[in-house]
Amino acid sequence: MVRFKQKFDSSGKIYFPKILREAPSGFAPELTIAPNTKCAVVYPSGLSSKEVLESLKVIQKELSLSADREKRAEAKR
């Protein structure tokens, strides 16, 4: 899974990498941000809730694999 780390600029803004802004899958000019206290989901405003949830399932699987790798690495220490 590709991950991007972005810092806030001096104005408190975050800029999305060009590869995301110009993605053929359609990162639209208007985004919806759905935050909670620990993280946020960012998606094109025209996407249905069903489409967002389907995409989140893929991300969740990738994060689960990453967590498993981290756990194995910690066990080896």
Protein backbone atom coordinates (compact mmCIF):
# COMPACT_ATOMS: atom_id res chain seq x y z
CA MET A 1 0.00 0.00 0.00
CA VAL A 2 1.30 3.43 -0.89
CA ARG A 3 1.41 5.93 1.95
CA PHE A 4 2.12 9.63 1.84
CA LYS A 5 3.40 11.66 4.76
CA GLN A 6 2.53 15.33 4.49
CA LYS A 7 3.26 18.13 6.90
CA PHE A 8 1.21 21.24 7.44
CA ASP A 9 2.73 24.29 5.82
CA SER A 10 3.22 27.59 7.63
CA SER A 11 -0.41 28.50 6.84
CA GLY A 12 -1.73 25.28 8.35
CA LYS A 13 -2.53 23.69 4.97
CA ILE A 14 -1.73 20.25 3.62
CA TYR A 15 -1.08 19.77 -0.06
CA PHE A 16 -1.96 16.48 -1.71
CA PRO A 17 0.78 14.97 -3.85
CA LYS A 18 0.41 15.57 -7.58
CA ILE A 19 -0.02 11.85 -8.22
CA LEU A 20 -3.23 11.94 -6.16
CA ARG A 21 -4.54 15.19 -7.58
CA GLU A 22 -4.13 13.89 -11.14
CA ALA A 23 -5.18 10.28 -10.50
CA PRO A 24 -7.28 8.82 -13.33
CA SER A 25 -9.51 7.22 -10.70
CA GLY A 26 -10.85 10.69 -10.09
CA PHE A 27 -9.60 12.55 -7.04
CA ALA A 28 -12.10 15.31 -7.68
CA PRO A 29 -11.46 19.00 -7.01
CA GLU A 30 -13.85 18.76 -4.06
CA LEU A 31 -13.11 16.32 -1.26
CA THR A 32 -15.02 15.14 1.76
CA ILE A 33 -13.12 14.59 5.00
CA ALA A 34 -14.67 12.33 7.63
CA PRO A 35 -12.56 12.58 10.81
CA ASN A 36 -12.75 11.04 14.24
CA THR A 37 -10.38 11.61 17.16
CA LYS A 38 -7.51 9.50 15.73
CA CYS A 39 -7.71 9.52 11.93
CA ALA A 40 -9.68 10.72 8.93
CA VAL A 41 -10.98 9.39 5.64
CA VAL A 42 -10.57 11.63 2.61
CA TYR A 43 -12.54 10.89 -0.54
CA PRO A 44 -14.02 12.61 -3.60
CA SER A 45 -17.30 14.29 -2.66
CA GLY A 46 -19.28 12.51 -5.39
CA LEU A 47 -18.51 9.02 -4.09
CA SER A 48 -21.36 7.09 -2.51
CA SER A 49 -21.05 5.77 1.02
CA LYS A 50 -21.07 2.24 -0.39
CA GLU A 51 -18.09 3.02 -2.65
CA VAL A 52 -16.19 4.57 0.26
CA LEU A 53 -16.85 1.53 2.45
CA GLU A 54 -15.69 -0.87 -0.29
CA SER A 55 -12.48 1.10 -0.68
CA LEU A 56 -11.97 1.18 3.09
CA LYS A 57 -12.19 -2.63 3.18
CA VAL A 58 -9.12 -2.81 0.93
CA ILE A 59 -7.25 -0.28 3.07
CA GLN A 60 -8.25 -2.14 6.24
CA LYS A 61 -6.84 -5.40 4.85
CA GLU A 62 -3.57 -3.66 3.97
CA LEU A 63 -3.33 -2.11 7.44
CA SER A 64 -4.03 -5.49 9.06
CA LEU A 65 -1.16 -7.05 7.10
CA SER A 66 1.09 -4.17 8.12
CA ALA A 67 0.11 -4.58 11.78
CA ASP A 68 0.91 -8.31 11.58
CA ARG A 69 4.36 -7.56 10.13
CA GLU A 70 5.01 -5.02 12.90
CA LYS A 71 3.95 -7.53 15.55
CA ARG A 72 6.29 -10.21 14.13
CA ALA A 73 9.16 -7.72 13.96
CA GLU A 74 8.60 -6.74 17.63
CA ALA A 75 8.55 -10.41 18.65
CA LYS A 76 11.99 -10.90 17.08
CA ARG A 77 13.51 -8.12 19.22
